[in-house]
């Protein structure tokens, strides 16, 4: 049974009078678009994100073509990632102004999958935001080390003057795991801060676990975060679009 918080509307994207920006961020493991791609496009479009943080984007034969199809189907544009980041990718709406992007390949452990990060710095008016999409290892020690690299990346952004950042990804462990706890110790776990919608992201037909999450740095106000569902997003589409459920958040990012 899908556990959901009482229904309320998640705030729409907007720019506030004080120069801050309300930004809708969606994190989604799309299983290399091996499921119902039409349903996937409808789910993303219904969520109306300003930023889409993808895990398991197409990354092998003709991966750019497939990622372009996803962008067109969801009304977004590609920022970075996919094959060049070993799976994670970033897309955005035309509302975003892109300052820079960078794909980072993580150290390869022999016998395990290559992992990477898709990163960017974007602006919404006068609000500036660092963005990281990640998909961590199935192996616990490698996963913990990769979590440290992600947090180091956030600190590097701060050192470069990017005060605010959002991290989204498939952590491959629940909130009780030590890597998940490491993230939550250094960042806001957006669901725990302001729960909205559903909590569990695996599996779509019988969700019982939360291994996908969004995190934000201090100073960002979390207005709501969770798994979207009816009436905003069709339940049938969610079941067939991927083997994960997406995580959607509305964040108020301060000016500057």
C-alpha atoms as a PDB file:
ATOM      1  CA  UNK A   1       0.000   0.000   0.000  1.00  0.00           C
ATOM      2  CA  UNK A   2       1.427   3.381  -1.024  1.00  0.00           C
ATOM      3  CA  UNK A   3       1.744   5.673   2.012  1.00  0.00           C
ATOM      4  CA  UNK A   4       0.982   9.276   1.132  1.00  0.00           C
ATOM      5  CA  UNK A   5       0.860  12.513   3.082  1.00  0.00           C
ATOM      6  CA  UNK A   6      -2.405  14.474   3.011  1.00  0.00           C
ATOM      7  CA  UNK A   7      -2.937  15.975  -0.436  1.00  0.00           C
ATOM      8  CA  UNK A   8      -1.950  19.567  -0.913  1.00  0.00           C
ATOM      9  CA  UNK A   9      -0.654  21.457  -3.904  1.00  0.00           C
ATOM     10  CA  UNK A  10       3.095  21.626  -4.369  1.00  0.00           C
ATOM     11  CA  UNK A  11       4.068  25.248  -5.164  1.00  0.00           C
ATOM     12  CA  UNK A  12       4.530  26.221  -8.784  1.00  0.00           C
ATOM     13  CA  UNK A  13       7.768  27.697 -10.129  1.00  0.00           C
ATOM     14  CA  UNK A  14       8.024  31.433  -9.624  1.00  0.00           C
ATOM     15  CA  UNK A  15      10.327  34.322  -8.761  1.00  0.00           C
ATOM     16  CA  UNK A  16       9.584  36.088  -5.492  1.00  0.00           C
ATOM     17  CA  UNK A  17       9.634  39.844  -4.884  1.00  0.00           C
ATOM     18  CA  UNK A  18      12.815  39.487  -2.796  1.00  0.00           C
ATOM     19  CA  UNK A  19      14.703  37.891  -5.705  1.00  0.00           C
ATOM     20  CA  UNK A  20      14.487  34.328  -4.409  1.00  0.00           C
ATOM     21  CA  UNK A  21      13.205  31.618  -6.748  1.00  0.00           C
ATOM     22  CA  UNK A  22      10.833  28.724  -6.193  1.00  0.00           C
ATOM     23  CA  UNK A  23      12.362  25.864  -8.203  1.00  0.00           C
ATOM     24  CA  UNK A  24      10.740  22.490  -8.875  1.00  0.00           C
ATOM     25  CA  UNK A  25      13.300  19.682  -8.906  1.00  0.00           C
ATOM     26  CA  UNK A  26      12.617  16.091 -10.025  1.00  0.00           C
ATOM     27  CA  UNK A  27      14.983  13.171  -9.399  1.00  0.00           C
ATOM     28  CA  UNK A  28      14.210  10.006 -11.362  1.00  0.00           C
ATOM     29  CA  UNK A  29      15.879   6.670 -12.107  1.00  0.00           C
ATOM     30  CA  UNK A  30      14.558   5.963 -15.616  1.00  0.00           C
ATOM     31  CA  UNK A  31      16.119   2.503 -16.133  1.00  0.00           C
ATOM     32  CA  UNK A  32      17.787   3.502 -19.411  1.00  0.00           C
ATOM     33  CA  UNK A  33      14.357   4.182 -20.942  1.00  0.00           C
ATOM     34  CA  UNK A  34      13.699   0.425 -21.221  1.00  0.00           C
ATOM     35  CA  UNK A  35      10.089   0.731 -20.068  1.00  0.00           C
ATOM     36  CA  UNK A  36       7.162   2.769 -21.460  1.00  0.00           C
ATOM     37  CA  UNK A  37       8.877   5.899 -22.772  1.00  0.00           C
ATOM     38  CA  UNK A  38       5.597   7.635 -23.625  1.00  0.00           C
ATOM     39  CA  UNK A  39       4.446   7.190 -20.017  1.00  0.00           C
ATOM     40  CA  UNK A  40       7.858   8.396 -18.811  1.00  0.00           C
ATOM     41  CA  UNK A  41       7.487  11.611 -20.799  1.00  0.00           C
ATOM     42  CA  UNK A  42       3.982  12.153 -19.424  1.00  0.00           C
ATOM     43  CA  UNK A  43       5.151  11.664 -15.828  1.00  0.00           C
ATOM     44  CA  UNK A  44       7.958  14.185 -16.220  1.00  0.00           C
ATOM     45  CA  UNK A  45       5.747  16.712 -18.022  1.00  0.00           C
ATOM     46  CA  UNK A  46       3.042  16.427 -15.357  1.00  0.00           C
ATOM     47  CA  UNK A  47       5.614  17.182 -12.642  1.00  0.00           C
ATOM     48  CA  UNK A  48       6.616  20.392 -14.480  1.00  0.00           C
ATOM     49  CA  UNK A  49      10.211  20.437 -13.172  1.00  0.00           C
ATOM     50  CA  UNK A  50      12.667  23.247 -13.700  1.00  0.00           C
ATOM     51  CA  UNK A  51      15.449  20.712 -13.147  1.00  0.00           C
ATOM     52  CA  UNK A  52      15.412  16.987 -13.897  1.00  0.00           C
ATOM     53  CA  UNK A  53      18.105  14.888 -12.217  1.00  0.00           C
ATOM     54  CA  UNK A  54      18.247  11.555 -14.036  1.00  0.00           C
ATOM     55  CA  UNK A  55      19.810   8.275 -12.984  1.00  0.00           C
ATOM     56  CA  UNK A  56      20.337   5.400 -15.421  1.00  0.00           C
ATOM     57  CA  UNK A  57      20.070   7.608 -18.476  1.00  0.00           C
ATOM     58  CA  UNK A  58      20.890   5.812 -21.743  1.00  0.00           C
ATOM     59  CA  UNK A  59      24.679   5.550 -21.988  1.00  0.00           C
ATOM     60  CA  UNK A  60      25.570   3.045 -24.658  1.00  0.00           C
ATOM     61  CA  UNK A  61      24.671   2.768 -28.367  1.00  0.00           C
ATOM     62  CA  UNK A  62      23.037   5.984 -29.657  1.00  0.00           C
ATOM     63  CA  UNK A  63      22.517   7.247 -26.110  1.00  0.00           C
ATOM     64  CA  UNK A  64      22.435  10.889 -27.205  1.00  0.00           C
ATOM     65  CA  UNK A  65      19.523  10.171 -29.536  1.00  0.00           C
ATOM     66  CA  UNK A  66      17.503   8.517 -26.774  1.00  0.00           C
ATOM     67  CA  UNK A  67      18.245  11.284 -24.290  1.00  0.00           C
ATOM     68  CA  UNK A  68      17.158  13.833 -26.898  1.00  0.00           C
ATOM     69  CA  UNK A  69      13.878  11.944 -27.327  1.00  0.00           C
ATOM     70  CA  UNK A  70      13.310  12.138 -23.580  1.00  0.00           C
ATOM     71  CA  UNK A  71      13.974  15.879 -23.600  1.00  0.00           C
ATOM     72  CA  UNK A  72      11.493  16.421 -26.435  1.00  0.00           C
ATOM     73  CA  UNK A  73       8.853  14.195 -24.843  1.00  0.00           C
ATOM     74  CA  UNK A  74       9.085  16.034 -21.527  1.00  0.00           C
ATOM     75  CA  UNK A  75       9.472  19.571 -22.892  1.00  0.00           C
ATOM     76  CA  UNK A  76      12.985  20.049 -21.521  1.00  0.00           C
ATOM     77  CA  UNK A  77      16.531  20.547 -22.795  1.00  0.00           C
ATOM     78  CA  UNK A  78      19.650  18.528 -22.055  1.00  0.00           C
ATOM     79  CA  UNK A  79      22.234  20.088 -19.751  1.00  0.00           C
ATOM     80  CA  UNK A  80      24.828  17.355 -19.420  1.00  0.00           C
ATOM     81  CA  UNK A  81      25.509  13.719 -18.592  1.00  0.00           C
ATOM     82  CA  UNK A  82      24.332  10.398 -19.935  1.00  0.00           C
ATOM     83  CA  UNK A  83      27.144   8.364 -21.466  1.00  0.00           C
ATOM     84  CA  UNK A  84      29.767  10.929 -20.471  1.00  0.00           C
ATOM     85  CA  UNK A  85      28.816  10.606 -16.785  1.00  0.00           C
ATOM     86  CA  UNK A  86      28.245   6.817 -16.820  1.00  0.00           C
ATOM     87  CA  UNK A  87      24.502   7.190 -16.345  1.00  0.00           C
ATOM     88  CA  UNK A  88      23.493  10.316 -14.402  1.00  0.00           C
ATOM     89  CA  UNK A  89      22.195  13.231 -16.475  1.00  0.00           C
ATOM     90  CA  UNK A  90      20.712  16.693 -16.006  1.00  0.00           C
ATOM     91  CA  UNK A  91      17.905  18.322 -17.984  1.00  0.00           C
ATOM     92  CA  UNK A  92      16.264  21.696 -17.425  1.00  0.00           C
ATOM     93  CA  UNK A  93      13.413  23.915 -18.519  1.00  0.00           C
ATOM     94  CA  UNK A  94      13.994  27.090 -20.504  1.00  0.00           C
ATOM     95  CA  UNK A  95      13.569  28.996 -17.252  1.00  0.00           C
ATOM     96  CA  UNK A  96      17.123  28.078 -16.219  1.00  0.00           C
ATOM     97  CA  UNK A  97      20.207  30.029 -17.252  1.00  0.00           C
ATOM     98  CA  UNK A  98      23.181  27.672 -17.403  1.00  0.00           C
ATOM     99  CA  UNK A  99      26.539  28.912 -16.139  1.00  0.00           C
ATOM    100  CA  UNK A 100      28.536  25.708 -16.515  1.00  0.00           C
ATOM    101  CA  UNK A 101      28.362  21.917 -16.514  1.00  0.00           C
ATOM    102  CA  UNK A 102      30.810  19.156 -15.653  1.00  0.00           C
ATOM    103  CA  UNK A 103      30.662  15.366 -15.838  1.00  0.00           C
ATOM    104  CA  UNK A 104      32.783  13.526 -13.285  1.00  0.00           C
ATOM    105  CA  UNK A 105      33.741   9.848 -13.530  1.00  0.00           C
ATOM    106  CA  UNK A 106      34.245   8.166 -10.160  1.00  0.00           C
ATOM    107  CA  UNK A 107      37.080   5.718  -9.455  1.00  0.00           C
ATOM    108  CA  UNK A 108      36.404   2.324 -11.004  1.00  0.00           C
ATOM    109  CA  UNK A 109      36.433  -0.750  -8.796  1.00  0.00           C
ATOM    110  CA  UNK A 110      37.362  -3.821 -10.875  1.00  0.00           C
ATOM    111  CA  UNK A 111      34.352  -6.043 -11.404  1.00  0.00           C
ATOM    112  CA  UNK A 112      31.810  -3.306 -10.590  1.00  0.00           C
ATOM    113  CA  UNK A 113      29.958  -0.811 -12.785  1.00  0.00           C
ATOM    114  CA  UNK A 114      31.543   2.513 -13.643  1.00  0.00           C
ATOM    115  CA  UNK A 115      29.768   5.344 -11.813  1.00  0.00           C
ATOM    116  CA  UNK A 116      29.801   9.095 -12.296  1.00  0.00           C
ATOM    117  CA  UNK A 117      28.232  12.449 -11.474  1.00  0.00           C
ATOM    118  CA  UNK A 118      26.419  14.945 -13.693  1.00  0.00           C
ATOM    119  CA  UNK A 119      26.886  18.450 -12.270  1.00  0.00           C
ATOM    120  CA  UNK A 120      25.957  22.002 -13.194  1.00  0.00           C
ATOM    121  CA  UNK A 121      25.610  25.544 -11.908  1.00  0.00           C
ATOM    122  CA  UNK A 122      22.411  27.292 -13.007  1.00  0.00           C
ATOM    123  CA  UNK A 123      20.573  30.519 -12.263  1.00  0.00           C
ATOM    124  CA  UNK A 124      16.897  31.343 -11.941  1.00  0.00           C
ATOM    125  CA  UNK A 125      16.869  35.110 -12.095  1.00  0.00           C
ATOM    126  CA  UNK A 126      19.171  36.150  -9.260  1.00  0.00           C
ATOM    127  CA  UNK A 127      19.041  32.796  -7.478  1.00  0.00           C
ATOM    128  CA  UNK A 128      22.111  30.630  -8.146  1.00  0.00           C
ATOM    129  CA  UNK A 129      22.119  26.865  -7.613  1.00  0.00           C
ATOM    130  CA  UNK A 130      24.612  24.013  -7.873  1.00  0.00           C
ATOM    131  CA  UNK A 131      23.133  20.690  -9.042  1.00  0.00           C
ATOM    132  CA  UNK A 132      24.444  17.117  -8.703  1.00  0.00           C
ATOM    133  CA  UNK A 133      22.831  13.918 -10.001  1.00  0.00           C
ATOM    134  CA  UNK A 134      24.285  10.636  -8.731  1.00  0.00           C
ATOM    135  CA  UNK A 135      23.667   6.892  -8.743  1.00  0.00           C
ATOM    136  CA  UNK A 136      25.678   5.154  -6.040  1.00  0.00           C
ATOM    137  CA  UNK A 137      27.145   1.667  -5.989  1.00  0.00           C
ATOM    138  CA  UNK A 138      25.421  -1.529  -4.921  1.00  0.00           C
ATOM    139  CA  UNK A 139      28.554  -2.391  -2.932  1.00  0.00           C
ATOM    140  CA  UNK A 140      28.399  -0.770   0.527  1.00  0.00           C
ATOM    141  CA  UNK A 141      32.031   0.320   0.928  1.00  0.00           C
ATOM    142  CA  UNK A 142      32.275   1.739  -2.583  1.00  0.00           C
ATOM    143  CA  UNK A 143      28.899   3.425  -2.050  1.00  0.00           C
ATOM    144  CA  UNK A 144      30.120   5.108   1.124  1.00  0.00           C
ATOM    145  CA  UNK A 145      33.258   6.384  -0.619  1.00  0.00           C
ATOM    146  CA  UNK A 146      31.189   7.698  -3.522  1.00  0.00           C
ATOM    147  CA  UNK A 147      28.929   9.525  -1.077  1.00  0.00           C
ATOM    148  CA  UNK A 148      31.996  11.302   0.231  1.00  0.00           C
ATOM    149  CA  UNK A 149      32.911  12.418  -3.297  1.00  0.00           C
ATOM    150  CA  UNK A 150      29.416  13.857  -3.775  1.00  0.00           C
ATOM    151  CA  UNK A 151      29.643  15.812  -0.518  1.00  0.00           C
ATOM    152  CA  UNK A 152      33.133  17.000  -1.447  1.00  0.00           C
ATOM    153  CA  UNK A 153      31.674  18.288  -4.714  1.00  0.00           C
ATOM    154  CA  UNK A 154      29.084  20.305  -2.791  1.00  0.00           C
ATOM    155  CA  UNK A 155      31.845  21.773  -0.620  1.00  0.00           C
ATOM    156  CA  UNK A 156      33.858  22.616  -3.736  1.00  0.00           C
ATOM    157  CA  UNK A 157      30.865  24.508  -5.130  1.00  0.00           C
ATOM    158  CA  UNK A 158      30.616  26.468  -1.892  1.00  0.00           C
ATOM    159  CA  UNK A 159      34.315  27.293  -2.072  1.00  0.00           C
ATOM    160  CA  UNK A 160      33.713  28.629  -5.589  1.00  0.00           C
ATOM    161  CA  UNK A 161      30.984  30.937  -4.282  1.00  0.00           C
ATOM    162  CA  UNK A 162      27.955  28.770  -5.108  1.00  0.00           C
ATOM    163  CA  UNK A 163      26.274  28.921  -1.718  1.00  0.00           C
ATOM    164  CA  UNK A 164      23.271  26.717  -2.483  1.00  0.00           C
ATOM    165  CA  UNK A 165      23.086  23.262  -4.015  1.00  0.00           C
ATOM    166  CA  UNK A 166      20.710  20.360  -4.540  1.00  0.00           C
ATOM    167  CA  UNK A 167      21.725  16.704  -4.810  1.00  0.00           C
ATOM    168  CA  UNK A 168      19.437  14.011  -6.179  1.00  0.00           C
ATOM    169  CA  UNK A 169      19.974  10.375  -6.785  1.00  0.00           C
ATOM    170  CA  UNK A 170      19.474   6.684  -6.379  1.00  0.00           C
ATOM    171  CA  UNK A 171      21.465   5.905  -3.231  1.00  0.00           C
ATOM    172  CA  UNK A 172      20.815   2.157  -3.400  1.00  0.00           C
ATOM    173  CA  UNK A 173      20.127   2.053   0.335  1.00  0.00           C
ATOM    174  CA  UNK A 174      17.378   3.204   2.738  1.00  0.00           C
ATOM    175  CA  UNK A 175      17.573   6.107   5.209  1.00  0.00           C
ATOM    176  CA  UNK A 176      18.977   3.746   7.860  1.00  0.00           C
ATOM    177  CA  UNK A 177      22.075   3.069   5.711  1.00  0.00           C
ATOM    178  CA  UNK A 178      25.344   4.730   6.635  1.00  0.00           C
ATOM    179  CA  UNK A 179      25.770   6.496   3.269  1.00  0.00           C
ATOM    180  CA  UNK A 180      22.212   7.856   3.385  1.00  0.00           C
ATOM    181  CA  UNK A 181      22.884   9.018   6.962  1.00  0.00           C
ATOM    182  CA  UNK A 182      26.112  10.651   5.804  1.00  0.00           C
ATOM    183  CA  UNK A 183      24.152  12.690   3.267  1.00  0.00           C
ATOM    184  CA  UNK A 184      21.468  13.590   5.817  1.00  0.00           C
ATOM    185  CA  UNK A 185      24.107  14.685   8.348  1.00  0.00           C
ATOM    186  CA  UNK A 186      25.580  17.210   5.910  1.00  0.00           C
ATOM    187  CA  UNK A 187      22.486  18.213   3.933  1.00  0.00           C
ATOM    188  CA  UNK A 188      18.743  18.536   4.353  1.00  0.00           C
ATOM    189  CA  UNK A 189      16.888  15.324   3.489  1.00  0.00           C
ATOM    190  CA  UNK A 190      14.069  17.076   1.651  1.00  0.00           C
ATOM    191  CA  UNK A 191      11.447  14.396   2.372  1.00  0.00           C
ATOM    192  CA  UNK A 192      12.250  14.406   6.105  1.00  0.00           C
ATOM    193  CA  UNK A 193      12.278  18.217   6.162  1.00  0.00           C
ATOM    194  CA  UNK A 194       8.910  18.792   4.473  1.00  0.00           C
ATOM    195  CA  UNK A 195       7.115  15.577   3.473  1.00  0.00           C
ATOM    196  CA  UNK A 196       4.599  15.763   0.646  1.00  0.00           C
ATOM    197  CA  UNK A 197       3.036  13.066  -1.536  1.00  0.00           C
ATOM    198  CA  UNK A 198       4.438   9.559  -1.119  1.00  0.00           C
ATOM    199  CA  UNK A 199       7.576   8.395   0.647  1.00  0.00           C
ATOM    200  CA  UNK A 200       8.592   5.080  -0.910  1.00  0.00           C
ATOM    201  CA  UNK A 201      10.221   4.852  -4.339  1.00  0.00           C
ATOM    202  CA  UNK A 202      10.673   1.080  -4.874  1.00  0.00           C
ATOM    203  CA  UNK A 203       8.938  -0.628  -6.526  1.00  0.00           C
ATOM    204  CA  UNK A 204       6.191   1.215  -8.422  1.00  0.00           C
ATOM    205  CA  UNK A 205       3.601  -1.565  -8.116  1.00  0.00           C
ATOM    206  CA  UNK A 206       4.181  -2.107  -4.399  1.00  0.00           C
ATOM    207  CA  UNK A 207       6.417   0.652  -2.997  1.00  0.00           C
ATOM    208  CA  UNK A 208       7.927  -0.281   0.352  1.00  0.00           C
ATOM    209  CA  UNK A 209      11.371   1.318   0.417  1.00  0.00           C
ATOM    210  CA  UNK A 210      12.959   4.746  -0.043  1.00  0.00           C
ATOM    211  CA  UNK A 211      16.302   4.521  -1.839  1.00  0.00           C
ATOM    212  CA  UNK A 212      15.851   7.607  -4.076  1.00  0.00           C
ATOM    213  CA  UNK A 213      16.085  11.047  -2.501  1.00  0.00           C
ATOM    214  CA  UNK A 214      16.668  14.762  -2.883  1.00  0.00           C
ATOM    215  CA  UNK A 215      18.979  16.703  -0.567  1.00  0.00           C
ATOM    216  CA  UNK A 216      19.520  20.457  -0.243  1.00  0.00           C
ATOM    217  CA  UNK A 217      22.080  22.649   1.464  1.00  0.00           C
ATOM    218  CA  UNK A 218      21.180  24.801   4.449  1.00  0.00           C
ATOM    219  CA  UNK A 219      19.660  28.119   3.399  1.00  0.00           C
ATOM    220  CA  UNK A 220      17.353  26.527   0.859  1.00  0.00           C
ATOM    221  CA  UNK A 221      13.759  26.352   2.091  1.00  0.00           C
ATOM    222  CA  UNK A 222      12.095  23.032   1.327  1.00  0.00           C
ATOM    223  CA  UNK A 223       8.438  23.731   0.507  1.00  0.00           C
ATOM    224  CA  UNK A 224       7.528  20.082  -0.048  1.00  0.00           C
ATOM    225  CA  UNK A 225       9.109  16.862  -1.264  1.00  0.00           C
ATOM    226  CA  UNK A 226       7.966  13.342  -2.087  1.00  0.00           C
ATOM    227  CA  UNK A 227       6.681  10.946  -4.686  1.00  0.00           C
ATOM    228  CA  UNK A 228       4.030  12.610  -6.882  1.00  0.00           C
ATOM    229  CA  UNK A 229       0.770  10.842  -7.630  1.00  0.00           C
ATOM    230  CA  UNK A 230      -2.867  11.358  -8.565  1.00  0.00           C
ATOM    231  CA  UNK A 231      -4.357  13.731  -9.439  1.00  0.00           C
ATOM    232  CA  UNK A 232      -1.122  15.453 -10.563  1.00  0.00           C
ATOM    233  CA  UNK A 233       0.434  12.337 -12.118  1.00  0.00           C
ATOM    234  CA  UNK A 234      -1.402   9.276 -13.431  1.00  0.00           C
ATOM    235  CA  UNK A 235      -0.940   6.163 -11.306  1.00  0.00           C
ATOM    236  CA  UNK A 236      -0.933   3.931 -14.394  1.00  0.00           C
ATOM    237  CA  UNK A 237       1.891   5.951 -15.969  1.00  0.00           C
ATOM    238  CA  UNK A 238       3.957   5.759 -12.770  1.00  0.00           C
ATOM    239  CA  UNK A 239       3.688   1.978 -12.751  1.00  0.00           C
ATOM    240  CA  UNK A 240       4.968   1.489 -16.305  1.00  0.00           C
ATOM    241  CA  UNK A 241       7.390   4.399 -16.825  1.00  0.00           C
ATOM    242  CA  UNK A 242      10.289   2.895 -14.830  1.00  0.00           C
ATOM    243  CA  UNK A 243      11.115   0.441 -12.071  1.00  0.00           C
ATOM    244  CA  UNK A 244      11.532   3.410  -9.689  1.00  0.00           C
ATOM    245  CA  UNK A 245       9.156   6.168  -8.641  1.00  0.00           C
ATOM    246  CA  UNK A 246      10.322   9.787  -9.022  1.00  0.00           C
ATOM    247  CA  UNK A 247      10.968  12.252  -6.219  1.00  0.00           C
ATOM    248  CA  UNK A 248       9.688  15.815  -6.706  1.00  0.00           C
ATOM    249  CA  UNK A 249      10.491  18.843  -4.566  1.00  0.00           C
ATOM    250  CA  UNK A 250       9.677  22.539  -4.542  1.00  0.00           C
ATOM    251  CA  UNK A 251      12.597  24.554  -3.153  1.00  0.00           C
ATOM    252  CA  UNK A 252      12.903  28.258  -2.398  1.00  0.00           C
ATOM    253  CA  UNK A 253      16.454  29.270  -3.351  1.00  0.00           C
ATOM    254  CA  UNK A 254      17.643  32.599  -1.926  1.00  0.00           C
ATOM    255  CA  UNK A 255      18.869  35.419  -4.116  1.00  0.00           C
ATOM    256  CA  UNK A 256      22.596  35.546  -4.686  1.00  0.00           C
END
